[in-house]
Amino acid sequence: MDVWSGYIGLSIAFVIISAIVLWFSIRTPGQIIIKAILIPATVWYGLVLYYTVPNLMGWPISQTIPENSQVLAIRIKEPNPKRNDLGAIYFWVNIKPSSISSEQTLGARLNPKSVFSYNSKTRPRAYQLPYSRKMHKAIVEAQRKAQGVPGAQIRTKKGEPKIGNTGNDESKTTLELEIINPVTLFPK
């Protein structure tokens, strides 16, 4: 509860300060160009603040997992119709540094949802995918295969797009798990 009260307090403080600054900037005569820049910039920063704080709190994100990420842990939460819970599959992964794009367009950098986004190349990240029976079976099978190989790792790779997909929509691409055997990975 402390995190949310801090988040609400931070939001209220921003709204009060923004209202005071905008009130005085609008009421003063002249400098229309500065006002035309200041007002949208203040609203934009409010959106950045709104989307950034939950991203930094450590909650899993609902995005596609970058290809070739090392899976550290998986938790499967099956659907529960009695509680109206659709279920989810949670992945805790180490992202391969080359899968993090450092080059972004100006539009992507100005998007309020991604200004202060998580982009660590060395720390794990939590992902939440919608529950599917097919993915559940694939995870159980991959974990079973990995148990028989000492030091085995589970890595993610992109599967084939679903039928009827144009191929450009990442959300329609299936996720496949691959067992990496360290004995065959590193030559003697």
Protein backbone atom coordinates (compact mmCIF):
# COMPACT_ATOMS: atom_id res chain seq x y z
CA MET A 1 0.00 0.00 0.00
CA ASP A 2 2.93 2.37 0.62
CA VAL A 3 3.95 2.25 -3.05
CA TRP A 4 0.49 3.26 -4.22
CA SER A 5 0.15 6.06 -1.67
CA GLY A 6 3.53 7.38 -2.83
CA TYR A 7 2.41 7.13 -6.45
CA ILE A 8 -0.82 9.01 -5.70
CA GLY A 9 1.09 11.64 -3.73
CA LEU A 10 3.57 12.12 -6.57
CA SER A 11 0.73 12.48 -9.06
CA ILE A 12 -1.12 15.02 -6.92
CA ALA A 13 2.08 17.04 -6.41
CA PHE A 14 2.68 17.09 -10.17
CA VAL A 15 -0.89 18.21 -10.89
CA ILE A 16 -0.67 21.04 -8.32
CA ILE A 17 2.70 22.31 -9.56
CA SER A 18 1.61 21.99 -13.21
CA ALA A 19 -1.63 23.86 -12.53
CA ILE A 20 0.24 26.73 -10.82
CA VAL A 21 2.86 26.99 -13.59
CA LEU A 22 0.28 26.79 -16.37
CA TRP A 23 -2.04 29.27 -14.62
CA PHE A 24 0.66 31.91 -14.40
CA SER A 25 2.04 31.23 -17.86
CA ILE A 26 -1.39 31.52 -19.48
CA ARG A 27 -2.33 34.65 -17.51
CA THR A 28 0.81 36.61 -18.37
CA PRO A 29 0.76 38.57 -21.62
CA GLY A 30 3.09 37.92 -24.55
CA GLN A 31 5.40 35.05 -25.50
CA ILE A 32 2.74 33.01 -27.33
CA ILE A 33 5.39 30.68 -28.75
CA ILE A 34 6.70 29.77 -25.29
CA LYS A 35 3.14 29.14 -24.07
CA ALA A 36 2.40 27.01 -27.15
CA ILE A 37 5.40 24.84 -26.31
CA LEU A 38 5.04 24.82 -22.50
CA ILE A 39 1.40 23.70 -22.29
CA PRO A 40 1.67 20.55 -24.49
CA ALA A 41 5.06 19.71 -22.92
CA THR A 42 3.51 19.80 -19.43
CA VAL A 43 0.63 17.55 -20.50
CA TRP A 44 3.10 15.19 -22.23
CA TYR A 45 5.24 14.97 -19.09
CA GLY A 46 2.13 14.18 -17.04
CA LEU A 47 1.51 11.20 -19.33
CA VAL A 48 5.16 10.15 -19.01
CA LEU A 49 4.85 10.23 -15.22
CA TYR A 50 1.60 8.25 -15.36
CA TYR A 51 3.10 5.44 -17.47
CA THR A 52 6.59 5.39 -15.94
CA VAL A 53 5.95 4.75 -12.27
CA PRO A 54 4.15 1.38 -12.69
CA ASN A 55 6.87 0.28 -15.14
CA LEU A 56 9.56 0.94 -12.55
CA MET A 57 7.73 -0.87 -9.73
CA GLY A 58 8.75 -4.31 -10.96
CA TRP A 59 5.41 -5.59 -12.19
CA PRO A 60 5.51 -7.93 -15.18
CA ILE A 61 4.89 -6.30 -18.53
CA SER A 62 2.52 -7.62 -21.19
CA GLN A 63 4.87 -7.47 -24.18
CA THR A 64 6.43 -10.13 -26.35
CA ILE A 65 9.55 -11.68 -24.89
CA PRO A 66 12.66 -10.81 -26.91
CA GLU A 67 14.03 -13.69 -28.93
CA ASN A 68 16.91 -15.74 -27.51
CA SER A 69 16.25 -14.69 -23.89
CA GLN A 70 17.36 -17.06 -21.16
CA VAL A 71 14.39 -18.27 -19.10
CA LEU A 72 15.17 -18.15 -15.37
CA ALA A 73 11.75 -19.10 -14.00
CA ILE A 74 8.19 -19.70 -15.16
CA ARG A 75 4.96 -19.54 -13.17
CA ILE A 76 1.73 -20.75 -14.70
CA LYS A 77 -1.51 -19.41 -13.24
CA GLU A 78 -4.38 -21.42 -14.69
CA PRO A 79 -7.73 -19.76 -15.42
CA ASN A 80 -10.34 -19.80 -12.67
CA PRO A 81 -13.88 -19.20 -14.02
CA LYS A 82 -15.33 -18.96 -10.49
CA ARG A 83 -13.21 -15.85 -9.80
CA ASN A 84 -13.39 -14.45 -13.34
CA ASP A 85 -9.62 -14.97 -13.63
CA LEU A 86 -8.38 -15.53 -17.19
CA GLY A 87 -5.06 -16.90 -15.98
CA ALA A 88 -1.57 -15.95 -17.12
CA ILE A 89 1.90 -17.31 -17.72
CA TYR A 90 4.72 -15.40 -16.07
CA PHE A 91 8.29 -15.54 -17.37
CA TRP A 92 11.36 -14.23 -15.58
CA VAL A 93 14.07 -13.89 -18.22
CA ASN A 94 17.54 -12.52 -18.87
CA ILE A 95 17.37 -10.54 -22.08
CA LYS A 96 20.17 -11.07 -24.57
CA PRO A 97 21.87 -7.66 -25.02
CA SER A 98 21.65 -7.72 -28.81
CA SER A 99 17.85 -8.08 -28.62
CA ILE A 100 17.49 -4.67 -26.95
CA SER A 101 17.26 -2.06 -29.66
CA SER A 102 19.27 1.03 -28.85
CA GLU A 103 18.28 2.81 -32.05
CA GLN A 104 14.79 4.27 -31.85
CA THR A 105 12.97 6.73 -34.02
CA LEU A 106 12.18 10.16 -32.63
CA GLY A 107 8.50 9.22 -32.44
CA ALA A 108 9.31 6.13 -30.35
CA ARG A 109 11.50 8.16 -28.01
CA LEU A 110 8.74 10.74 -27.46
CA ASN A 111 6.07 8.12 -26.76
CA PRO A 112 5.04 8.70 -23.09
CA LYS A 113 4.82 4.93 -22.52
CA SER A 114 8.49 4.34 -23.35
CA VAL A 115 10.45 7.43 -22.27
CA PHE A 116 11.81 5.92 -19.07
CA SER A 117 11.27 2.29 -20.01
CA TYR A 118 13.22 -0.59 -18.56
CA ASN A 119 16.22 -1.29 -20.75
CA SER A 120 18.80 -2.95 -18.53
CA LYS A 121 21.09 -5.31 -20.40
CA THR A 122 22.20 -7.24 -17.32
CA ARG A 123 19.17 -7.55 -15.04
CA PRO A 124 16.26 -9.97 -15.45
CA ARG A 125 12.81 -8.80 -16.53
CA ALA A 126 9.33 -10.18 -15.76
CA TYR A 127 6.85 -10.80 -18.58
CA GLN A 128 3.18 -11.74 -18.44
CA LEU A 129 1.61 -13.65 -21.33
CA PRO A 130 -2.05 -14.64 -21.60
CA TYR A 131 -2.75 -18.21 -20.57
CA SER A 132 -3.11 -20.80 -23.29
CA ARG A 133 -3.32 -24.55 -22.91
CA LYS A 134 -0.91 -25.04 -25.82
CA MET A 135 1.76 -22.84 -24.17
CA HIS A 136 1.18 -24.59 -20.83
CA LYS A 137 1.90 -27.97 -22.43
CA ALA A 138 4.98 -26.63 -24.24
CA ILE A 139 6.39 -25.26 -20.96
CA VAL A 140 5.82 -28.53 -19.10
CA GLU A 141 7.47 -30.46 -21.94
CA ALA A 142 10.47 -28.08 -22.08
CA GLN A 143 10.96 -28.29 -18.31
CA ARG A 144 10.77 -32.09 -18.47
CA LYS A 145 13.42 -32.21 -21.21
CA ALA A 146 15.68 -29.76 -19.37
CA GLN A 147 15.62 -31.87 -16.19
CA GLY A 148 17.38 -34.70 -17.98
CA VAL A 149 20.32 -32.52 -19.07
CA PRO A 150 22.68 -31.18 -16.37
CA GLY A 151 23.16 -27.41 -16.73
CA ALA A 152 20.53 -27.10 -19.48
CA GLN A 153 18.99 -23.72 -20.16
CA ILE A 154 15.62 -22.87 -21.62
CA ARG A 155 15.74 -20.10 -24.24
CA THR A 156 12.95 -18.37 -26.13
CA LYS A 157 12.66 -18.21 -29.88
CA LYS A 158 10.00 -16.85 -32.19
CA GLY A 159 7.63 -19.35 -33.70
CA GLU A 160 5.67 -19.15 -36.91
CA PRO A 161 2.92 -16.52 -37.11
CA LYS A 162 -0.63 -17.74 -36.55
CA ILE A 163 -2.78 -18.52 -39.59
CA GLY A 164 -4.35 -15.43 -41.10
CA ASN A 165 -1.60 -13.13 -39.85
CA THR A 166 0.24 -10.82 -42.21
CA GLY A 167 3.52 -11.53 -40.45
CA ASN A 168 4.20 -8.00 -39.18
CA ASP A 169 2.16 -8.15 -35.97
CA GLU A 170 4.41 -9.41 -33.17
CA SER A 171 1.49 -10.10 -30.82
CA LYS A 172 0.25 -12.85 -33.16
CA THR A 173 3.62 -14.62 -33.26
CA THR A 174 3.86 -17.73 -31.13
CA LEU A 175 6.61 -18.21 -28.57
CA GLU A 176 8.66 -21.40 -28.67
CA LEU A 177 11.01 -22.74 -26.02
CA GLU A 178 14.37 -24.26 -26.90
CA ILE A 179 16.56 -26.43 -24.65
CA ILE A 180 20.21 -25.41 -24.76
CA ASN A 181 22.59 -28.21 -23.79
CA PRO A 182 25.89 -26.73 -22.55
CA VAL A 183 27.82 -29.82 -23.68
CA THR A 184 26.89 -29.30 -27.35
CA LEU A 185 26.95 -25.50 -27.07
CA PHE A 186 30.62 -25.18 -26.14
CA PRO A 187 33.19 -27.24 -28.02
CA LYS A 188 35.98 -28.88 -26.02
